[in-house]
Amino acid sequence: MNDAPKWTAAITEDGDLHSAFVEGHLDFAGFPNAAAEIVEAFAEFGPDISEAVSESFDGEPIHKQLCHFWLRPEQTEDGEKHFFAREGDAGAVPVTGVRFM
């Protein structure tokens, strides 16, 4: 049984990288394969996006880029969108991940 959290990948309406995250403020040590898993999560957006994600890490260890932040999900007619938020904002949820913006 695989209990690893599932990464969610988000891009902007313009196709720019937004973020990759898992729900909750989790221990960074629990993500030994985070870089590969994040690139894989973005694969659904096509090879150009996956390549951009890989390049964004620029040799920097993923654990130096992981952080805790807050997002506010919103359901739209185009699917779920995620907006950066602050703790205490209505609908904000804690996440662990990488912010590209």
N, C-alpha and C. Protein backbone atom coordinates (compact mmCIF):
# COMPACT_ATOMS: atom_id res chain seq x y z
N MET A 1 0.85 -1.20 0.00
CA MET A 1 0.00 0.00 0.00
C MET A 1 0.88 1.24 0.00
N ASN A 2 0.59 2.19 -0.87
CA ASN A 2 1.37 3.40 -0.99
C ASN A 2 0.63 4.54 -0.30
N ASP A 3 1.18 5.00 0.83
CA ASP A 3 0.56 6.08 1.59
C ASP A 3 1.16 7.44 1.26
N ALA A 4 2.01 7.49 0.23
CA ALA A 4 2.66 8.76 -0.13
C ALA A 4 1.60 9.75 -0.60
N PRO A 5 1.72 10.99 -0.12
CA PRO A 5 0.77 12.01 -0.58
C PRO A 5 0.88 12.23 -2.09
N LYS A 6 -0.22 12.58 -2.72
CA LYS A 6 -0.25 12.83 -4.16
C LYS A 6 0.01 14.31 -4.41
N TRP A 7 0.96 14.58 -5.29
CA TRP A 7 1.28 15.95 -5.67
C TRP A 7 0.22 16.50 -6.61
N THR A 8 -0.15 17.74 -6.40
CA THR A 8 -1.02 18.47 -7.31
C THR A 8 -0.17 19.52 -8.00
N ALA A 9 -0.27 19.60 -9.30
CA ALA A 9 0.47 20.58 -10.09
C ALA A 9 -0.49 21.64 -10.58
N ALA A 10 -0.07 22.89 -10.53
CA ALA A 10 -0.94 23.99 -10.97
C ALA A 10 -0.16 24.94 -11.88
N ILE A 11 -0.82 25.35 -12.96
CA ILE A 11 -0.27 26.37 -13.84
C ILE A 11 -1.27 27.51 -13.92
N THR A 12 -0.81 28.65 -14.38
CA THR A 12 -1.70 29.81 -14.52
C THR A 12 -2.48 29.70 -15.82
N GLU A 13 -3.44 30.58 -16.00
CA GLU A 13 -4.21 30.62 -17.25
C GLU A 13 -3.31 30.92 -18.44
N ASP A 14 -2.17 31.58 -18.19
CA ASP A 14 -1.23 31.90 -19.26
C ASP A 14 -0.24 30.77 -19.51
N GLY A 15 -0.35 29.69 -18.76
CA GLY A 15 0.54 28.55 -18.94
C GLY A 15 1.84 28.63 -18.16
N ASP A 16 1.96 29.60 -17.27
CA ASP A 16 3.15 29.73 -16.44
C ASP A 16 3.04 28.78 -15.23
N LEU A 17 4.20 28.38 -14.74
CA LEU A 17 4.21 27.52 -13.56
C LEU A 17 3.66 28.28 -12.36
N HIS A 18 2.80 27.66 -11.58
CA HIS A 18 2.21 28.26 -10.40
C HIS A 18 2.79 27.61 -9.15
N SER A 19 2.47 26.33 -8.95
CA SER A 19 2.94 25.63 -7.76
C SER A 19 2.74 24.13 -7.92
N ALA A 20 3.40 23.40 -7.04
CA ALA A 20 3.17 21.97 -6.89
C ALA A 20 3.08 21.74 -5.39
N PHE A 21 2.09 20.95 -4.97
CA PHE A 21 1.88 20.85 -3.54
C PHE A 21 1.16 19.56 -3.15
N VAL A 22 1.28 19.24 -1.86
CA VAL A 22 0.48 18.20 -1.23
C VAL A 22 -0.25 18.89 -0.08
N GLU A 23 -1.38 18.37 0.29
CA GLU A 23 -2.17 19.01 1.34
C GLU A 23 -1.54 18.78 2.71
N GLY A 24 -1.57 19.83 3.51
CA GLY A 24 -1.05 19.77 4.88
C GLY A 24 0.35 20.34 4.98
N HIS A 25 0.69 20.80 6.17
CA HIS A 25 2.06 21.23 6.45
C HIS A 25 2.80 19.99 6.96
N LEU A 26 3.53 19.35 6.05
CA LEU A 26 4.18 18.07 6.33
C LEU A 26 5.69 18.23 6.47
N ASP A 27 6.32 17.23 7.07
CA ASP A 27 7.77 17.21 7.26
C ASP A 27 8.46 17.04 5.91
N PHE A 28 9.38 17.95 5.57
CA PHE A 28 10.08 17.90 4.30
C PHE A 28 10.84 16.59 4.11
N ALA A 29 11.31 16.00 5.20
CA ALA A 29 12.07 14.75 5.12
C ALA A 29 11.23 13.61 4.55
N GLY A 30 9.93 13.75 4.55
CA GLY A 30 9.03 12.73 4.02
C GLY A 30 8.94 12.73 2.50
N PHE A 31 9.74 13.55 1.84
CA PHE A 31 9.67 13.66 0.38
C PHE A 31 11.03 13.45 -0.28
N PRO A 32 11.61 12.26 -0.10
CA PRO A 32 12.95 12.02 -0.67
C PRO A 32 12.97 12.05 -2.20
N ASN A 33 11.84 11.82 -2.84
CA ASN A 33 11.77 11.82 -4.31
C ASN A 33 10.94 12.99 -4.84
N ALA A 34 10.88 14.06 -4.08
CA ALA A 34 10.00 15.18 -4.41
C ALA A 34 10.25 15.74 -5.80
N ALA A 35 11.50 15.95 -6.19
CA ALA A 35 11.77 16.57 -7.49
C ALA A 35 11.18 15.74 -8.62
N ALA A 36 11.44 14.44 -8.63
CA ALA A 36 10.91 13.57 -9.68
C ALA A 36 9.39 13.50 -9.63
N GLU A 37 8.82 13.46 -8.42
CA GLU A 37 7.36 13.39 -8.28
C GLU A 37 6.69 14.67 -8.77
N ILE A 38 7.33 15.81 -8.53
CA ILE A 38 6.78 17.09 -8.99
C ILE A 38 6.82 17.17 -10.51
N VAL A 39 7.94 16.78 -11.10
CA VAL A 39 8.04 16.78 -12.56
C VAL A 39 6.97 15.86 -13.14
N GLU A 40 6.78 14.69 -12.53
CA GLU A 40 5.76 13.74 -13.00
C GLU A 40 4.35 14.34 -12.88
N ALA A 41 4.10 15.07 -11.80
CA ALA A 41 2.77 15.68 -11.61
C ALA A 41 2.47 16.69 -12.71
N PHE A 42 3.49 17.37 -13.21
CA PHE A 42 3.29 18.36 -14.27
C PHE A 42 3.22 17.73 -15.65
N ALA A 43 3.49 16.44 -15.78
CA ALA A 43 3.51 15.77 -17.08
C ALA A 43 2.18 15.92 -17.83
N GLU A 44 1.08 16.01 -17.10
CA GLU A 44 -0.23 16.14 -17.75
C GLU A 44 -0.35 17.42 -18.58
N PHE A 45 0.51 18.41 -18.30
CA PHE A 45 0.48 19.68 -19.04
C PHE A 45 1.38 19.66 -20.26
N GLY A 46 2.09 18.56 -20.48
CA GLY A 46 2.93 18.41 -21.66
C GLY A 46 4.41 18.48 -21.35
N PRO A 47 5.23 18.02 -22.31
CA PRO A 47 6.67 17.93 -22.08
C PRO A 47 7.36 19.29 -21.88
N ASP A 48 6.85 20.34 -22.50
CA ASP A 48 7.47 21.66 -22.32
C ASP A 48 7.36 22.12 -20.87
N ILE A 49 6.20 21.89 -20.26
CA ILE A 49 5.99 22.28 -18.87
C ILE A 49 6.86 21.42 -17.95
N SER A 50 6.90 20.11 -18.19
CA SER A 50 7.74 19.24 -17.37
C SER A 50 9.20 19.67 -17.44
N GLU A 51 9.65 20.04 -18.63
CA GLU A 51 11.03 20.49 -18.80
C GLU A 51 11.26 21.79 -18.03
N ALA A 52 10.30 22.69 -18.09
CA ALA A 52 10.42 23.96 -17.37
C ALA A 52 10.52 23.73 -15.86
N VAL A 53 9.76 22.76 -15.36
CA VAL A 53 9.83 22.43 -13.94
C VAL A 53 11.21 21.91 -13.60
N SER A 54 11.71 20.98 -14.39
CA SER A 54 13.04 20.42 -14.14
C SER A 54 14.09 21.53 -14.13
N GLU A 55 14.01 22.42 -15.11
CA GLU A 55 14.98 23.51 -15.20
C GLU A 55 14.85 24.49 -14.04
N SER A 56 13.65 24.65 -13.51
CA SER A 56 13.46 25.61 -12.42
C SER A 56 14.22 25.19 -11.17
N PHE A 57 14.47 23.89 -11.02
CA PHE A 57 15.22 23.44 -9.85
C PHE A 57 16.69 23.80 -9.99
N ASP A 58 17.17 23.96 -11.21
CA ASP A 58 18.50 24.48 -11.51
C ASP A 58 19.60 23.89 -10.62
N GLY A 59 19.53 22.60 -10.38
CA GLY A 59 20.56 21.94 -9.59
C GLY A 59 20.44 22.16 -8.09
N GLU A 60 19.53 23.01 -7.68
CA GLU A 60 19.31 23.28 -6.26
C GLU A 60 18.57 22.10 -5.65
N PRO A 61 19.03 21.58 -4.52
CA PRO A 61 18.32 20.46 -3.90
C PRO A 61 16.86 20.83 -3.62
N ILE A 62 15.96 19.93 -3.94
CA ILE A 62 14.53 20.19 -3.77
C ILE A 62 14.19 20.57 -2.33
N HIS A 63 14.89 19.98 -1.36
CA HIS A 63 14.55 20.27 0.03
C HIS A 63 14.84 21.72 0.42
N LYS A 64 15.67 22.41 -0.37
CA LYS A 64 15.90 23.84 -0.12
C LYS A 64 14.79 24.67 -0.73
N GLN A 65 13.98 24.10 -1.60
CA GLN A 65 12.90 24.83 -2.25
C GLN A 65 11.53 24.52 -1.67
N LEU A 66 11.40 23.39 -0.99
CA LEU A 66 10.11 23.05 -0.38
C LEU A 66 9.80 24.04 0.72
N CYS A 67 8.53 24.39 0.84
CA CYS A 67 8.11 25.30 1.91
C CYS A 67 6.67 25.00 2.28
N HIS A 68 6.26 25.58 3.38
CA HIS A 68 4.86 25.51 3.81
C HIS A 68 4.21 26.81 3.38
N PHE A 69 3.03 26.70 2.81
CA PHE A 69 2.28 27.91 2.45
C PHE A 69 0.80 27.58 2.47
N TRP A 70 -0.02 28.54 2.13
CA TRP A 70 -1.48 28.41 2.15
C TRP A 70 -2.03 28.68 0.76
N LEU A 71 -3.02 27.89 0.36
CA LEU A 71 -3.72 28.08 -0.90
C LEU A 71 -5.22 28.11 -0.64
N ARG A 72 -5.91 28.81 -1.50
CA ARG A 72 -7.38 28.83 -1.45
C ARG A 72 -7.87 28.23 -2.76
N PRO A 73 -8.41 26.99 -2.69
CA PRO A 73 -8.95 26.39 -3.91
C PRO A 73 -10.31 27.01 -4.25
N GLU A 74 -10.57 27.11 -5.54
CA GLU A 74 -11.85 27.64 -6.00
C GLU A 74 -12.29 26.84 -7.22
N GLN A 75 -13.50 26.38 -7.19
CA GLN A 75 -14.05 25.62 -8.31
C GLN A 75 -14.56 26.59 -9.37
N THR A 76 -14.11 26.40 -10.60
CA THR A 76 -14.56 27.25 -11.70
C THR A 76 -15.10 26.34 -12.79
N GLU A 77 -15.68 26.93 -13.82
CA GLU A 77 -16.20 26.10 -14.92
C GLU A 77 -15.06 25.40 -15.67
N ASP A 78 -13.82 25.89 -15.52
CA ASP A 78 -12.66 25.27 -16.15
C ASP A 78 -11.97 24.26 -15.24
N GLY A 79 -12.53 24.02 -14.07
CA GLY A 79 -11.92 23.10 -13.12
C GLY A 79 -11.49 23.84 -11.86
N GLU A 80 -10.76 23.13 -11.02
CA GLU A 80 -10.32 23.74 -9.77
C GLU A 80 -9.10 24.62 -10.01
N LYS A 81 -9.12 25.81 -9.45
CA LYS A 81 -7.99 26.74 -9.52
C LYS A 81 -7.50 26.97 -8.09
N HIS A 82 -6.24 27.33 -7.96
CA HIS A 82 -5.64 27.55 -6.65
C HIS A 82 -5.04 28.95 -6.59
N PHE A 83 -5.35 29.65 -5.51
CA PHE A 83 -4.85 31.00 -5.32
C PHE A 83 -4.03 31.04 -4.04
N PHE A 84 -2.88 31.75 -4.08
CA PHE A 84 -2.09 31.89 -2.88
C PHE A 84 -2.91 32.64 -1.84
N ALA A 85 -2.76 32.23 -0.59
CA ALA A 85 -3.55 32.82 0.48
C ALA A 85 -2.67 32.95 1.73
N ARG A 86 -3.28 33.45 2.78
CA ARG A 86 -2.61 33.54 4.08
C ARG A 86 -3.41 32.74 5.10
N GLU A 87 -2.72 32.31 6.11
CA GLU A 87 -3.40 31.61 7.20
C GLU A 87 -4.53 32.49 7.71
N GLY A 88 -5.69 31.91 7.89
CA GLY A 88 -6.84 32.65 8.38
C GLY A 88 -7.74 33.18 7.28
N ASP A 89 -7.25 33.22 6.03
CA ASP A 89 -8.11 33.63 4.93
C ASP A 89 -9.24 32.61 4.76
N ALA A 90 -10.42 33.08 4.41
CA ALA A 90 -11.55 32.18 4.20
C ALA A 90 -11.22 31.14 3.14
N GLY A 91 -11.38 29.87 3.47
CA GLY A 91 -11.17 28.78 2.54
C GLY A 91 -9.71 28.37 2.35
N ALA A 92 -8.80 29.02 3.04
CA ALA A 92 -7.36 28.72 2.88
C ALA A 92 -7.04 27.37 3.51
N VAL A 93 -6.20 26.59 2.80
CA VAL A 93 -5.76 25.29 3.31
C VAL A 93 -4.23 25.26 3.33
N PRO A 94 -3.67 24.60 4.36
CA PRO A 94 -2.22 24.51 4.45
C PRO A 94 -1.69 23.48 3.44
N VAL A 95 -0.57 23.80 2.82
CA VAL A 95 0.06 22.88 1.87
C VAL A 95 1.58 22.91 2.06
N THR A 96 2.20 21.85 1.58
CA THR A 96 3.66 21.76 1.52
C THR A 96 4.01 21.62 0.05
N GLY A 97 4.96 22.42 -0.42
CA GLY A 97 5.30 22.31 -1.83
C GLY A 97 6.30 23.32 -2.28
N VAL A 98 6.21 23.63 -3.58
CA VAL A 98 7.11 24.55 -4.24
C VAL A 98 6.27 25.63 -4.91
N ARG A 99 6.65 26.88 -4.66
CA ARG A 99 6.00 28.02 -5.32
C ARG A 99 6.89 28.45 -6.47
N PHE A 100 6.32 28.54 -7.65
CA PHE A 100 7.08 28.97 -8.82
C PHE A 100 6.87 30.45 -9.10
N MET A 101 5.94 31.08 -8.40
CA MET A 101 5.63 32.49 -8.63
C MET A 101 5.96 33.30 -7.39
